[in-house]
C-alpha cells in the first residue's frame, strides 16, 4: 500500500488525486485526519504507525526550524524500518537550491534516507510557480519585488504532484534515482508583462526589513524568503533540465501562467 504524508497539504492532496485518476489505491495520512485518513503526527511517536505500508511518499514536514524538521523525518524513517516499509519517495529541494535558507533540512533528510537501508527515490522539486507569483507585491504603480531581473526555473505544483504519482505508482522502476524537477525560467518582469503592468525592483535590505516587520511570519521565515529573493536575483535558480518532462511524458504546465494567475488573484 502507498501512503502519503501531509495529506491535507496542497502537494499531497494533488498527488492523491493523480493516483486516484490512475486507479492506484493510496492511503492518506495527516496530523489532522479527516474521513478515512490515518492519523500520523510527526511530533507524536505514538501515531507513527506504518503497518501495511510498503511504499511511503514522504512530503517534507517543513514549516519549522531545521532541528525540528530533521527530527520529524528521522522519527518517521525509524518507524518505516520498524514496520517493514520497502521504499521511500521523498519530495526534496532542487539541486540548485543549496544556497536557500531551508536547504539544509532537505539535504540532511536525503542523507538519512539514502543510508537507511530502504529503497528510495529523491524528487528534488523546483520552487513552485505559484509561490513565485505570490511573492510579488502590488502597489498603486504595478508590481514590485526583490527578484530583480533574475529568473526562476519555476514549476507548477500540479506537475510536481503528477511526477510524485508516477514514481509512487511504480517505485521499483525509480529506485536509487535522484530527479531534478525544474521547469521553464521566468522572471518577475515576465509576470508583470503578462498582466500588463510595470515591475519595480526593491533592494534586499528593504525586502528583509519588510519581512522582519511582518508579524504573521514565524521567526525562521524571513531569512528563508530573503534567501529565495537573493538566489533568484543573483542567477542561482534559473537552470532547467529534462527530468520532469521525461517522467511526465507530456508538455509541462506553463509556469508563467500559473504564477501570473496567483499574482492577479492577489490584486
Protein backbone atom coordinates (compact mmCIF):
# COMPACT_ATOMS: atom_id res chain seq x y z
CA UNK A 1 0.00 0.00 0.00
CA UNK A 2 1.13 3.54 -0.81
CA UNK A 3 0.97 6.10 1.99
CA UNK A 4 1.34 9.86 1.55
CA UNK A 5 2.13 12.10 4.49
CA UNK A 6 0.80 15.64 4.84
CA UNK A 7 -2.35 14.59 3.04
CA UNK A 8 -4.19 17.87 3.58
CA UNK A 9 -1.39 19.97 2.11
CA UNK A 10 -1.60 21.17 -1.48
CA UNK A 11 1.13 18.93 -2.93
CA UNK A 12 -0.01 15.74 -1.20
CA UNK A 13 -3.69 16.30 -1.95
CA UNK A 14 -2.91 16.85 -5.62
CA UNK A 15 -0.73 13.73 -5.67
CA UNK A 16 -3.53 11.69 -4.12
CA UNK A 17 -5.89 12.98 -6.81
CA UNK A 18 -3.38 11.97 -9.51
CA UNK A 19 -3.11 8.48 -8.03
CA UNK A 20 -6.90 8.18 -7.90
CA UNK A 21 -7.11 9.11 -11.57
CA UNK A 22 -4.65 6.31 -12.31
CA UNK A 23 -6.74 3.86 -10.29
CA UNK A 24 -3.86 3.40 -7.85
CA UNK A 25 -5.01 2.90 -4.23
CA UNK A 26 -3.26 5.10 -1.69
CA UNK A 27 -3.60 5.82 1.99
CA UNK A 28 -3.65 9.45 3.11
CA UNK A 29 -2.01 10.34 6.42
CA UNK A 30 -2.26 13.60 8.31
CA UNK A 31 -1.80 15.08 11.78
CA UNK A 32 -5.34 16.42 11.35
CA UNK A 33 -7.04 13.47 9.65
CA UNK A 34 -10.47 13.55 8.12
CA UNK A 35 -12.61 10.68 6.90
CA UNK A 36 -10.57 7.58 6.12
CA UNK A 37 -7.20 9.29 6.58
CA UNK A 38 -4.76 7.72 9.02
CA UNK A 39 -3.68 9.85 11.98
CA UNK A 40 0.06 10.49 11.67
CA UNK A 41 1.69 13.30 13.63
CA UNK A 42 5.44 13.65 13.22
CA UNK A 43 5.64 15.14 16.73
CA UNK A 44 3.75 12.29 18.40
CA UNK A 45 5.65 8.97 18.22
CA UNK A 46 2.56 7.01 19.24
CA UNK A 47 0.88 7.92 15.92
CA UNK A 48 3.75 6.82 13.67
CA UNK A 49 2.01 3.64 12.58
CA UNK A 50 3.12 2.45 9.13
CA UNK A 51 1.81 -1.09 9.33
CA UNK A 52 0.62 -2.33 5.96
CA UNK A 53 2.58 0.37 4.11
CA UNK A 54 5.10 -0.83 1.53
CA UNK A 55 5.64 2.45 -0.32
CA UNK A 56 5.94 5.68 1.67
CA UNK A 57 5.76 9.08 -0.04
CA UNK A 58 7.28 11.49 2.46
CA UNK A 59 6.13 15.04 1.82
CA UNK A 60 8.60 17.22 3.69
CA UNK A 61 7.39 18.27 7.15
CA UNK A 62 8.71 21.80 6.83
CA UNK A 63 7.39 24.97 8.44
CA UNK A 64 9.80 24.69 11.38
CA UNK A 65 13.44 25.12 12.29
CA UNK A 66 15.94 22.66 10.82
CA UNK A 67 16.40 20.62 14.00
CA UNK A 68 12.65 20.09 14.33
CA UNK A 69 12.17 19.12 10.68
CA UNK A 70 15.10 16.68 10.70
CA UNK A 71 13.92 15.08 13.97
CA UNK A 72 10.46 14.62 12.49
CA UNK A 73 11.82 12.93 9.39
CA UNK A 74 14.21 10.74 11.39
CA UNK A 75 11.38 9.52 13.61
CA UNK A 76 9.24 8.62 10.60
CA UNK A 77 12.10 6.78 8.90
CA UNK A 78 12.75 4.82 12.10
CA UNK A 79 9.08 3.84 12.08
CA UNK A 80 9.33 2.88 8.40
CA UNK A 81 12.16 0.44 9.12
CA UNK A 82 10.35 -0.94 12.14
CA UNK A 83 7.07 -1.51 10.29
CA UNK A 84 8.51 -3.07 7.13
CA UNK A 85 8.21 -0.26 4.60
CA UNK A 86 10.15 -1.20 1.46
CA UNK A 87 10.51 2.08 -0.44
CA UNK A 88 10.57 5.77 0.46
CA UNK A 89 10.00 8.60 -2.02
CA UNK A 90 10.96 12.00 -0.64
CA UNK A 91 9.94 15.39 -2.01
CA UNK A 92 13.16 17.36 -1.59
CA UNK A 93 14.56 20.61 -2.99
CA UNK A 94 16.08 21.31 -6.41
CA UNK A 95 19.82 20.68 -6.72
CA UNK A 96 20.33 24.38 -7.44
CA UNK A 97 18.76 25.25 -4.09
CA UNK A 98 21.74 24.66 -1.82
CA UNK A 99 22.01 28.44 -1.33
CA UNK A 100 18.47 28.62 0.06
CA UNK A 101 17.86 29.05 3.76
CA UNK A 102 15.80 25.86 4.01
CA UNK A 103 18.12 23.56 2.04
CA UNK A 104 19.93 22.01 4.99
CA UNK A 105 16.94 20.07 6.32
CA UNK A 106 16.29 18.65 2.85
CA UNK A 107 19.87 17.53 2.32
CA UNK A 108 20.07 16.05 5.81
CA UNK A 109 16.86 14.12 5.17
CA UNK A 110 18.20 12.85 1.86
CA UNK A 111 21.24 11.50 3.75
CA UNK A 112 19.01 9.82 6.33
CA UNK A 113 17.03 8.16 3.55
CA UNK A 114 19.92 7.04 1.37
CA UNK A 115 21.70 5.47 4.37
CA UNK A 116 18.55 3.93 5.87
CA UNK A 117 18.77 0.55 4.16
CA UNK A 118 15.41 1.19 2.49
CA UNK A 119 14.91 1.51 -1.25
CA UNK A 120 14.46 5.16 -2.13
CA UNK A 121 13.76 7.82 -4.74
CA UNK A 122 14.54 11.52 -4.26
CA UNK A 123 12.38 14.09 -6.05
CA UNK A 124 14.31 17.37 -5.97
CA UNK A 125 11.42 19.71 -6.58
CA UNK A 126 11.92 23.14 -8.10
CA UNK A 127 10.24 26.12 -6.48
CA UNK A 128 6.54 26.44 -7.20
CA UNK A 129 5.47 28.88 -9.87
CA UNK A 130 2.53 29.67 -7.59
CA UNK A 131 4.92 30.68 -4.80
CA UNK A 132 6.87 32.92 -7.15
CA UNK A 133 3.68 34.67 -8.17
CA UNK A 134 2.60 35.06 -4.55
CA UNK A 135 5.86 36.76 -3.57
CA UNK A 136 5.28 39.74 -5.85
CA UNK A 137 3.62 42.74 -4.18
CA UNK A 138 1.01 45.03 -5.66
CA UNK A 139 1.47 48.79 -5.44
CA UNK A 140 -0.56 51.65 -6.99
CA UNK A 141 2.00 51.67 -9.84
CA UNK A 142 2.07 47.95 -10.56
CA UNK A 143 4.20 45.18 -9.08
CA UNK A 144 7.37 45.19 -7.04
CA UNK A 145 9.74 42.52 -5.78
CA UNK A 146 13.32 41.91 -4.71
CA UNK A 147 13.90 39.46 -7.58
CA UNK A 148 15.43 42.00 -9.95
CA UNK A 149 15.83 40.58 -13.45
CA UNK A 150 16.74 37.13 -12.14
CA UNK A 151 14.91 34.10 -13.48
CA UNK A 152 13.48 31.09 -11.66
CA UNK A 153 13.06 27.67 -13.30
CA UNK A 154 9.60 27.54 -11.77
CA UNK A 155 7.30 24.53 -11.76
CA UNK A 156 3.53 24.33 -11.48
CA UNK A 157 2.58 22.43 -8.35
CA UNK A 158 0.31 20.16 -10.42
CA UNK A 159 3.29 18.90 -12.43
CA UNK A 160 5.24 18.02 -9.28
CA UNK A 161 2.21 16.15 -7.96
CA UNK A 162 1.93 14.25 -11.22
CA UNK A 163 5.63 13.32 -11.05
CA UNK A 164 5.23 12.05 -7.48
CA UNK A 165 2.28 9.93 -8.61
CA UNK A 166 4.32 8.45 -11.47
CA UNK A 167 7.08 7.37 -9.09
CA UNK A 168 4.70 6.16 -6.37
CA UNK A 169 2.81 4.01 -8.89
CA UNK A 170 5.91 2.06 -9.88
CA UNK A 171 8.63 2.67 -7.26
CA UNK A 172 10.91 -0.18 -8.31
CA UNK A 173 11.44 1.48 -11.70
CA UNK A 174 12.77 4.58 -9.97
CA UNK A 175 14.70 3.07 -7.06
CA UNK A 176 18.04 4.70 -6.29
CA UNK A 177 17.36 7.69 -8.56
CA UNK A 178 17.52 11.42 -7.88
CA UNK A 179 15.34 13.52 -10.17
CA UNK A 180 15.83 17.27 -10.52
CA UNK A 181 12.32 18.52 -11.26
CA UNK A 182 12.69 22.06 -12.58
CA UNK A 183 10.74 23.95 -15.20
CA UNK A 184 10.99 26.87 -17.60
CA UNK A 185 12.81 30.02 -16.39
CA UNK A 186 10.53 33.01 -15.77
CA UNK A 187 11.14 36.44 -14.22
CA UNK A 188 9.12 38.86 -12.16
CA UNK A 189 9.20 41.13 -15.21
CA UNK A 190 7.62 38.35 -17.28
CA UNK A 191 4.75 38.15 -14.80
CA UNK A 192 4.28 41.92 -14.87
CA UNK A 193 4.31 41.92 -18.68
CA UNK A 194 1.75 39.11 -18.72
CA UNK A 195 -0.51 41.24 -16.54
CA UNK A 196 0.18 44.44 -18.44
CA UNK A 197 1.70 46.36 -15.53
CA UNK A 198 5.11 47.72 -14.54
CA UNK A 199 7.58 45.93 -12.28
CA UNK A 200 9.81 47.76 -9.80
CA UNK A 201 12.79 46.17 -8.06
CA UNK A 202 13.46 46.87 -4.39
CA UNK A 203 16.77 46.10 -2.71
CA UNK A 204 17.28 43.13 -0.44
CA UNK A 205 17.68 45.25 2.67
CA UNK A 206 14.28 46.83 2.19
CA UNK A 207 12.77 43.43 1.49
CA UNK A 208 14.25 41.86 4.63
CA UNK A 209 13.07 44.80 6.73
CA UNK A 210 9.53 44.30 5.45
CA UNK A 211 9.70 40.59 6.21
CA UNK A 212 11.01 41.19 9.73
CA UNK A 213 8.20 43.66 10.31
CA UNK A 214 5.52 41.18 9.28
CA UNK A 215 4.02 39.83 12.50
CA UNK A 216 2.36 36.93 10.66
CA UNK A 217 5.69 35.31 9.71
CA UNK A 218 7.37 32.81 12.04
CA UNK A 219 10.97 33.59 13.08
CA UNK A 220 12.58 31.23 10.55
CA UNK A 221 10.55 32.51 7.61
CA UNK A 222 12.07 35.97 6.90
CA UNK A 223 15.57 34.57 6.25
CA UNK A 224 14.06 31.75 4.21
CA UNK A 225 12.14 34.15 1.97
CA UNK A 226 15.07 36.54 1.70
CA UNK A 227 17.27 33.66 0.54
CA UNK A 228 14.81 32.89 -2.27
CA UNK A 229 14.90 36.51 -3.44
CA UNK A 230 18.69 36.71 -3.32
CA UNK A 231 19.18 33.36 -5.08
CA UNK A 232 16.79 34.28 -7.90
CA UNK A 233 18.20 37.79 -8.19
CA UNK A 234 21.78 36.56 -8.48
CA UNK A 235 21.17 33.80 -11.01
CA UNK A 236 21.31 30.61 -8.95
CA UNK A 237 17.87 29.17 -9.71
CA UNK A 238 17.36 29.61 -13.45
CA UNK A 239 18.86 26.35 -14.73
CA UNK A 240 16.37 23.97 -16.30
CA UNK A 241 16.60 20.24 -17.07
CA UNK A 242 14.82 17.30 -18.72
CA UNK A 243 13.86 15.09 -15.76
CA UNK A 244 10.34 16.40 -15.20
CA UNK A 245 9.35 16.21 -18.85
CA UNK A 246 10.71 12.67 -19.10
CA UNK A 247 8.82 11.50 -16.02
CA UNK A 248 5.54 13.02 -17.17
CA UNK A 249 5.97 12.24 -20.87
CA UNK A 250 3.89 15.30 -21.75
CA UNK A 251 4.39 19.05 -22.11
CA UNK A 252 4.82 20.85 -18.79
CA UNK A 253 2.21 23.23 -17.45
CA UNK A 254 3.12 26.82 -18.33
CA UNK A 255 4.75 28.18 -15.14
CA UNK A 256 4.28 31.78 -16.25
CA UNK A 257 0.53 31.30 -16.49
CA UNK A 258 0.44 29.57 -13.10
CA UNK A 259 2.47 32.34 -11.46
CA UNK A 260 0.54 35.16 -13.13
CA UNK A 261 -2.80 33.68 -12.09
CA UNK A 262 -1.75 33.78 -8.43
CA UNK A 263 -0.37 37.30 -8.74
CA UNK A 264 -3.54 38.53 -10.43
CA UNK A 265 -5.75 36.94 -7.78
CA UNK A 266 -3.93 38.92 -5.07
CA UNK A 267 -4.61 42.29 -6.72
